[in-house]
Amino acid sequence: MRRTLTSLGLLVALAGHAFADDSKLVKAVSLQDLQRIIAEEGYTINSTGDDGAVSVRATDTAGTGLIFNVLGTACDLEGYEPGCLGINMQVRYDADGYETLERINEANLMWAPTSAWYSAEGFDSSVPTVGITRYVILDGGMTVRNIKDNLLNLLAIAPQVADYVWQTGVYAPGGAEEVVYDDEEYYDDEW
C-alpha cells in the first residue's frame, strides 16, 4: 500500500510539471500549457480567458513589472495537432495622444523581433492602445525553452519601444545615450 501511494504521489508530481524539461518539442499548446510555461518562469498569472478561451494575462512581478498577455491562436484546426498552433505574446499600453504612427513605425524597424501597433478602439473597444507583439508559430514544433525565450525577449524589448514611442528616458528630446560600436562613438539621436 505504501509503495502504491508513493508511486501515485510521484505520478501526480510529474504530471504537474510536464514542461520541466525545456527541451521538449511542442507542436501546439492548450490553456494549461500556457499557464505552466508562464508559472515556470516565475511570472504571476492574473487571469485567464479575458482575450479568448486560450489566453492568459500575467505580470512580470520579479522583473519589469509589465502586465502582458499570451494568446493561443489558430486553435483546434481540423487535420492538425489538437490545441493552438500559434502564440501571440503582447504588452499593451493605453495610448495618450502623445504617440505618433511615425514613431510606432520606426519602432518596428528598430526592434525587428517584435511588432509595434496602434489601435484607436483599443483591444477591448474602450481606450486607444499601443501594443508590442511577438508572434510564435509552432507548426513543425518548437522547444519549450524557445517559447520562454520569445516571451523573455518581448518583455525586454517592450519598455524600450514604449520609451521610444513616447520619447521618454534615453529617447527624450536631448536625452541621447552614448553608444559605442567598434570603438567609434555614436549617439542614439544620430541613427
Protein backbone atom coordinates (compact mmCIF):
# COMPACT_ATOMS: atom_id res chain seq x y z
CA MET A 1 0.00 0.00 0.00
CA ARG A 2 2.80 2.39 0.90
CA ARG A 3 4.54 1.70 -2.44
CA THR A 4 1.27 2.38 -4.29
CA LEU A 5 0.76 5.72 -2.52
CA THR A 6 4.37 6.73 -3.17
CA SER A 7 4.04 5.83 -6.86
CA LEU A 8 0.78 7.77 -7.16
CA GLY A 9 2.37 10.77 -5.44
CA LEU A 10 5.28 10.68 -7.85
CA LEU A 11 2.95 10.46 -10.87
CA VAL A 12 0.93 13.44 -9.64
CA ALA A 13 4.10 15.47 -9.09
CA LEU A 14 5.43 14.65 -12.54
CA ALA A 15 2.10 15.34 -14.23
CA GLY A 16 2.05 18.83 -12.77
CA HIS A 17 5.46 19.58 -14.26
CA ALA A 18 5.12 18.24 -17.79
CA PHE A 19 7.26 21.10 -19.15
CA ALA A 20 10.02 20.89 -16.56
CA ASP A 21 12.14 19.69 -19.49
CA ASP A 22 12.69 22.83 -21.55
CA SER A 23 13.99 20.75 -24.47
CA LYS A 24 10.55 19.20 -25.03
CA LEU A 25 9.27 19.83 -28.57
CA VAL A 26 5.82 21.43 -28.63
CA LYS A 27 3.64 21.49 -31.77
CA ALA A 28 0.51 23.01 -30.16
CA VAL A 29 -0.45 24.48 -26.80
CA SER A 30 -3.51 24.48 -24.55
CA LEU A 31 -4.52 26.99 -21.88
CA GLN A 32 -2.91 24.73 -19.28
CA ASP A 33 0.33 24.65 -21.29
CA LEU A 34 0.48 28.46 -21.43
CA GLN A 35 -0.24 28.70 -17.70
CA ARG A 36 2.52 26.18 -16.96
CA ILE A 37 5.07 28.00 -19.16
CA ILE A 38 4.26 31.34 -17.52
CA ALA A 39 4.35 29.91 -13.98
CA GLU A 40 7.62 28.04 -14.56
CA GLU A 41 9.29 31.33 -15.48
CA GLY A 42 8.11 32.91 -12.24
CA TYR A 43 5.50 35.27 -13.70
CA THR A 44 2.28 35.89 -11.78
CA ILE A 45 -0.92 34.80 -13.54
CA ASN A 46 -3.62 37.46 -13.12
CA SER A 47 -6.46 35.92 -15.13
CA THR A 48 -7.36 33.55 -17.95
CA GLY A 49 -9.94 33.74 -20.71
CA ASP A 50 -10.08 37.55 -20.96
CA ASP A 51 -8.99 37.52 -24.62
CA GLY A 52 -10.42 34.19 -25.73
CA ALA A 53 -10.61 30.68 -24.35
CA VAL A 54 -6.85 30.13 -24.60
CA SER A 55 -5.49 33.36 -23.13
CA VAL A 56 -3.56 34.33 -20.03
CA ARG A 57 -2.92 37.76 -18.51
CA ALA A 58 0.15 37.83 -16.29
CA THR A 59 2.63 40.17 -14.61
CA ASP A 60 6.41 40.05 -14.56
CA THR A 61 6.48 40.82 -10.83
CA ALA A 62 10.15 39.92 -10.36
CA GLY A 63 11.43 41.84 -13.39
CA THR A 64 9.97 44.70 -15.38
CA GLY A 65 6.58 44.77 -13.63
CA LEU A 66 4.90 44.65 -17.02
CA ILE A 67 1.45 43.19 -17.45
CA PHE A 68 1.38 41.03 -20.56
CA ASN A 69 -0.99 38.77 -22.45
CA VAL A 70 -0.32 35.38 -24.02
CA LEU A 71 -2.96 34.23 -26.50
CA GLY A 72 -3.29 30.91 -28.26
CA THR A 73 -4.10 31.32 -31.96
CA ALA A 74 -5.08 29.00 -34.80
CA CYS A 75 -6.68 26.64 -32.30
CA ASP A 76 -8.17 23.20 -32.91
CA LEU A 77 -7.91 23.27 -36.69
CA GLU A 78 -9.03 20.13 -38.44
CA GLY A 79 -6.16 17.99 -39.64
CA TYR A 80 -3.61 19.48 -37.23
CA GLU A 81 -2.41 18.84 -33.69
CA PRO A 82 -5.11 19.46 -31.06
CA GLY A 83 -4.62 22.81 -29.36
CA CYS A 84 -3.32 26.13 -30.65
CA LEU A 85 -0.68 26.24 -33.37
CA GLY A 86 0.41 29.80 -32.63
CA ILE A 87 1.10 32.02 -29.63
CA ASN A 88 0.57 35.77 -29.68
CA MET A 89 2.52 37.44 -26.85
CA GLN A 90 1.58 41.07 -26.17
CA VAL A 91 2.37 44.04 -23.97
CA ARG A 92 -0.29 46.75 -24.28
CA TYR A 93 -0.14 50.38 -23.21
CA ASP A 94 -3.01 52.85 -23.02
CA ALA A 95 -2.45 55.46 -25.71
CA ASP A 96 -2.48 59.05 -24.50
CA GLY A 97 -2.34 61.04 -27.74
CA TYR A 98 1.39 61.75 -27.50
CA GLU A 99 2.31 58.72 -29.59
CA THR A 100 2.65 59.07 -33.35
CA LEU A 101 2.27 56.50 -36.09
CA GLU A 102 5.65 57.60 -37.41
CA ARG A 103 7.41 56.64 -34.16
CA ILE A 104 5.45 53.38 -33.94
CA ASN A 105 6.54 52.51 -37.49
CA GLU A 106 10.14 53.47 -36.69
CA ALA A 107 9.99 51.17 -33.65
CA ASN A 108 9.11 48.31 -35.99
CA LEU A 109 12.34 48.92 -37.88
CA MET A 110 14.45 49.34 -34.74
CA TRP A 111 13.15 46.27 -32.87
CA ALA A 112 12.52 43.72 -35.64
CA PRO A 113 11.80 40.74 -33.30
CA THR A 114 8.57 42.47 -32.27
CA SER A 115 5.75 44.35 -33.96
CA ALA A 116 4.51 47.67 -32.60
CA TRP A 117 0.95 48.69 -33.43
CA TYR A 118 -1.76 51.22 -32.65
CA SER A 119 -5.50 50.62 -32.28
CA ALA A 120 -7.85 53.60 -31.97
CA GLU A 121 -10.55 51.35 -30.47
CA GLY A 122 -8.14 49.62 -28.14
CA PHE A 123 -8.09 45.92 -27.51
CA ASP A 124 -11.37 46.00 -25.63
CA SER A 125 -13.01 48.93 -27.50
CA SER A 126 -12.60 51.33 -24.59
CA VAL A 127 -9.18 53.02 -24.71
CA PRO A 128 -6.82 53.57 -27.66
CA THR A 129 -3.90 51.17 -27.36
CA VAL A 130 -0.26 50.93 -28.38
CA GLY A 131 0.88 47.34 -28.38
CA ILE A 132 4.08 45.40 -28.81
CA THR A 133 3.67 41.83 -30.03
CA ARG A 134 5.81 38.77 -30.56
CA TYR A 135 4.08 36.06 -32.60
CA VAL A 136 5.33 32.47 -32.44
CA ILE A 137 4.33 29.77 -34.93
CA LEU A 138 4.53 26.22 -33.57
CA ASP A 139 4.00 24.38 -36.87
CA GLY A 140 6.62 21.66 -37.00
CA GLY A 141 7.47 22.17 -33.35
CA MET A 142 9.41 24.46 -31.06
CA THR A 143 11.10 23.72 -27.76
CA VAL A 144 9.54 24.95 -24.54
CA ARG A 145 12.77 26.90 -23.85
CA ASN A 146 12.38 28.74 -27.15
CA ILE A 147 8.80 29.71 -26.28
CA LYS A 148 10.01 31.00 -22.91
CA ASP A 149 12.87 32.91 -24.56
CA ASN A 150 10.48 34.55 -27.00
CA LEU A 151 8.41 35.81 -24.07
CA LEU A 152 11.54 36.97 -22.24
CA ASN A 153 12.65 38.91 -25.33
CA LEU A 154 9.25 40.58 -25.68
CA LEU A 155 9.35 41.69 -22.04
CA ALA A 156 12.85 43.11 -22.52
CA ILE A 157 12.02 44.95 -25.76
CA ALA A 158 8.57 46.36 -24.87
CA PRO A 159 9.79 49.01 -22.37
CA GLN A 160 12.38 50.21 -24.90
CA VAL A 161 9.72 50.53 -27.59
CA ALA A 162 7.43 52.41 -25.17
CA ASP A 163 10.25 54.81 -24.26
CA TYR A 164 10.90 55.41 -27.94
CA VAL A 165 7.24 55.88 -28.88
CA TRP A 166 6.59 58.32 -26.02
CA GLN A 167 10.07 59.89 -26.19
CA THR A 168 10.99 59.23 -22.58
CA GLY A 169 14.17 58.00 -20.90
CA VAL A 170 17.08 57.90 -23.33
CA TYR A 171 14.68 58.82 -26.13
CA ALA A 172 13.52 62.06 -24.52
CA PRO A 173 14.43 65.17 -26.51
CA GLY A 174 18.04 65.89 -25.58
CA GLY A 175 18.33 62.57 -23.75
CA ALA A 176 20.64 60.80 -26.19
CA GLU A 177 22.57 57.94 -24.66
CA GLU A 178 26.10 57.35 -25.84
CA VAL A 179 26.56 54.02 -27.59
CA VAL A 180 29.95 52.61 -28.63
CA TYR A 181 30.24 50.30 -31.66
CA ASP A 182 33.61 49.11 -32.96
CA ASP A 183 35.50 51.72 -30.93
CA GLU A 184 33.52 54.59 -32.53
CA GLU A 185 31.09 56.74 -30.59
CA TYR A 186 27.54 57.21 -31.79
CA TYR A 187 24.52 58.73 -30.19
CA ASP A 188 21.01 57.27 -30.42
CA ASP A 189 19.75 60.50 -31.98
CA GLU A 190 22.24 60.10 -34.87
CA TRP A 191 20.51 56.99 -36.18
